[in-house]
Amino acid sequence: MDARLLDILVCPLCKGPLEYDKKAQELICRPDRLAYPIRDGIPIMWAEEARKVEPAL
């Protein structure tokens, strides 16, 4: 994931910052608890495609 692209991208729902999970190839929005997949290097920023993330302990 290009660092410049990560600086530009925000969560489509809350407009908050995203964290890059290299291992899972996902962009994670902590406030909304959603993980957006990255397929073939392209972030899929649709809420319908995101998976729910369990809150961190």
N, C-alpha and C. Protein backbone atom coordinates (compact mmCIF):
# COMPACT_ATOMS: atom_id res chain seq x y z
N MET A 1 0.86 -1.18 0.00
CA MET A 1 0.00 0.00 0.00
C MET A 1 0.89 1.23 0.00
N ASP A 2 0.65 2.09 -0.92
CA ASP A 2 1.40 3.34 -1.05
C ASP A 2 1.07 4.26 0.12
N ALA A 3 2.08 4.74 0.83
CA ALA A 3 1.89 5.62 1.99
C ALA A 3 1.16 6.90 1.62
N ARG A 4 1.40 7.41 0.43
CA ARG A 4 0.71 8.64 -0.01
C ARG A 4 -0.78 8.39 -0.17
N LEU A 5 -1.13 7.23 -0.69
CA LEU A 5 -2.54 6.88 -0.85
C LEU A 5 -3.20 6.71 0.52
N LEU A 6 -2.51 6.09 1.44
CA LEU A 6 -3.04 5.89 2.79
C LEU A 6 -3.28 7.23 3.48
N ASP A 7 -2.47 8.23 3.20
CA ASP A 7 -2.67 9.57 3.77
C ASP A 7 -3.94 10.22 3.24
N ILE A 8 -4.35 9.88 2.04
CA ILE A 8 -5.50 10.49 1.39
C ILE A 8 -6.80 9.77 1.75
N LEU A 9 -6.75 8.45 1.83
CA LEU A 9 -7.97 7.67 2.04
C LEU A 9 -8.52 7.85 3.46
N VAL A 10 -9.84 7.92 3.55
CA VAL A 10 -10.54 7.98 4.84
C VAL A 10 -11.72 7.00 4.77
N CYS A 11 -12.26 6.69 5.93
CA CYS A 11 -13.43 5.83 6.00
C CYS A 11 -14.60 6.52 5.28
N PRO A 12 -15.28 5.82 4.39
CA PRO A 12 -16.39 6.45 3.67
C PRO A 12 -17.59 6.77 4.56
N LEU A 13 -17.68 6.14 5.72
CA LEU A 13 -18.82 6.39 6.60
C LEU A 13 -18.57 7.56 7.55
N CYS A 14 -17.45 7.50 8.29
CA CYS A 14 -17.21 8.53 9.32
C CYS A 14 -16.16 9.55 8.91
N LYS A 15 -15.51 9.33 7.78
CA LYS A 15 -14.44 10.21 7.27
C LYS A 15 -13.21 10.22 8.17
N GLY A 16 -13.07 9.20 9.02
CA GLY A 16 -11.93 9.09 9.92
C GLY A 16 -10.75 8.40 9.28
N PRO A 17 -9.61 8.40 9.98
CA PRO A 17 -8.39 7.77 9.44
C PRO A 17 -8.51 6.25 9.39
N LEU A 18 -7.72 5.66 8.51
CA LEU A 18 -7.69 4.21 8.35
C LEU A 18 -6.31 3.68 8.70
N GLU A 19 -6.26 2.48 9.25
CA GLU A 19 -5.00 1.80 9.55
C GLU A 19 -4.81 0.68 8.54
N TYR A 20 -3.59 0.52 8.07
CA TYR A 20 -3.27 -0.51 7.08
C TYR A 20 -2.81 -1.77 7.80
N ASP A 21 -3.50 -2.89 7.54
CA ASP A 21 -3.10 -4.20 8.06
C ASP A 21 -2.48 -4.96 6.89
N LYS A 22 -1.16 -4.96 6.85
CA LYS A 22 -0.44 -5.56 5.72
C LYS A 22 -0.71 -7.06 5.61
N LYS A 23 -0.72 -7.76 6.73
CA LYS A 23 -0.90 -9.21 6.72
C LYS A 23 -2.27 -9.60 6.16
N ALA A 24 -3.32 -8.90 6.62
CA ALA A 24 -4.68 -9.22 6.19
C ALA A 24 -5.07 -8.51 4.89
N GLN A 25 -4.23 -7.56 4.43
CA GLN A 25 -4.54 -6.76 3.24
C GLN A 25 -5.91 -6.08 3.40
N GLU A 26 -5.99 -5.29 4.49
CA GLU A 26 -7.21 -4.56 4.79
C GLU A 26 -6.88 -3.16 5.30
N LEU A 27 -7.85 -2.26 5.15
CA LEU A 27 -7.79 -0.93 5.75
C LEU A 27 -8.84 -0.93 6.85
N ILE A 28 -8.42 -0.60 8.06
CA ILE A 28 -9.30 -0.72 9.22
C ILE A 28 -9.70 0.64 9.75
N CYS A 29 -11.00 0.80 9.99
CA CYS A 29 -11.55 1.99 10.64
C CYS A 29 -11.90 1.57 12.06
N ARG A 30 -11.14 2.04 13.03
CA ARG A 30 -11.37 1.68 14.44
C ARG A 30 -12.69 2.21 14.98
N PRO A 31 -13.06 3.49 14.73
CA PRO A 31 -14.32 3.99 15.30
C PRO A 31 -15.56 3.22 14.80
N ASP A 32 -15.58 2.85 13.52
CA ASP A 32 -16.73 2.12 12.96
C ASP A 32 -16.58 0.61 13.08
N ARG A 33 -15.39 0.16 13.48
CA ARG A 33 -15.09 -1.28 13.61
C ARG A 33 -15.34 -2.02 12.30
N LEU A 34 -14.80 -1.46 11.21
CA LEU A 34 -14.92 -2.06 9.89
C LEU A 34 -13.55 -2.25 9.27
N ALA A 35 -13.41 -3.32 8.49
CA ALA A 35 -12.18 -3.58 7.75
C ALA A 35 -12.52 -3.68 6.28
N TYR A 36 -11.94 -2.77 5.50
CA TYR A 36 -12.17 -2.73 4.06
C TYR A 36 -11.08 -3.55 3.36
N PRO A 37 -11.47 -4.48 2.48
CA PRO A 37 -10.48 -5.33 1.82
C PRO A 37 -9.67 -4.58 0.76
N ILE A 38 -8.48 -5.08 0.51
CA ILE A 38 -7.64 -4.59 -0.59
C ILE A 38 -7.48 -5.77 -1.54
N ARG A 39 -7.99 -5.61 -2.76
CA ARG A 39 -7.92 -6.69 -3.75
C ARG A 39 -7.08 -6.23 -4.93
N ASP A 40 -6.06 -7.00 -5.24
CA ASP A 40 -5.15 -6.68 -6.34
C ASP A 40 -4.59 -5.27 -6.22
N GLY A 41 -4.33 -4.85 -4.97
CA GLY A 41 -3.74 -3.55 -4.71
C GLY A 41 -4.74 -2.40 -4.71
N ILE A 42 -6.03 -2.70 -4.86
CA ILE A 42 -7.06 -1.67 -4.92
C ILE A 42 -7.94 -1.75 -3.67
N PRO A 43 -8.00 -0.68 -2.88
CA PRO A 43 -8.88 -0.69 -1.71
C PRO A 43 -10.36 -0.67 -2.15
N ILE A 44 -11.15 -1.56 -1.59
CA ILE A 44 -12.58 -1.62 -1.87
C ILE A 44 -13.28 -0.88 -0.73
N MET A 45 -13.70 0.34 -1.00
CA MET A 45 -14.18 1.24 0.05
C MET A 45 -15.71 1.30 0.14
N TRP A 46 -16.38 0.19 -0.09
CA TRP A 46 -17.83 0.10 0.04
C TRP A 46 -18.15 -0.52 1.39
N ALA A 47 -19.07 0.08 2.12
CA ALA A 47 -19.47 -0.46 3.43
C ALA A 47 -20.02 -1.87 3.29
N GLU A 48 -20.66 -2.17 2.18
CA GLU A 48 -21.23 -3.51 1.95
C GLU A 48 -20.14 -4.58 1.82
N GLU A 49 -18.94 -4.17 1.42
CA GLU A 49 -17.83 -5.11 1.24
C GLU A 49 -16.97 -5.24 2.50
N ALA A 50 -17.17 -4.34 3.46
CA ALA A 50 -16.36 -4.36 4.68
C ALA A 50 -16.83 -5.45 5.63
N ARG A 51 -15.90 -5.92 6.44
CA ARG A 51 -16.28 -6.90 7.46
C ARG A 51 -16.20 -6.22 8.83
N LYS A 52 -16.99 -6.72 9.76
CA LYS A 52 -16.99 -6.20 11.13
C LYS A 52 -15.72 -6.64 11.83
N VAL A 53 -15.15 -5.75 12.65
CA VAL A 53 -13.95 -6.04 13.42
C VAL A 53 -14.32 -6.01 14.90
N GLU A 54 -13.89 -7.01 15.63
CA GLU A 54 -14.14 -7.05 17.07
C GLU A 54 -13.36 -5.95 17.77
N PRO A 55 -13.92 -5.35 18.80
CA PRO A 55 -13.18 -4.29 19.53
C PRO A 55 -11.93 -4.85 20.19
N ALA A 56 -10.88 -4.04 20.22
CA ALA A 56 -9.62 -4.45 20.85
C ALA A 56 -9.81 -4.46 22.37
N LEU A 57 -9.17 -5.42 23.00
CA LEU A 57 -9.26 -5.50 24.47
C LEU A 57 -8.29 -4.60 25.13
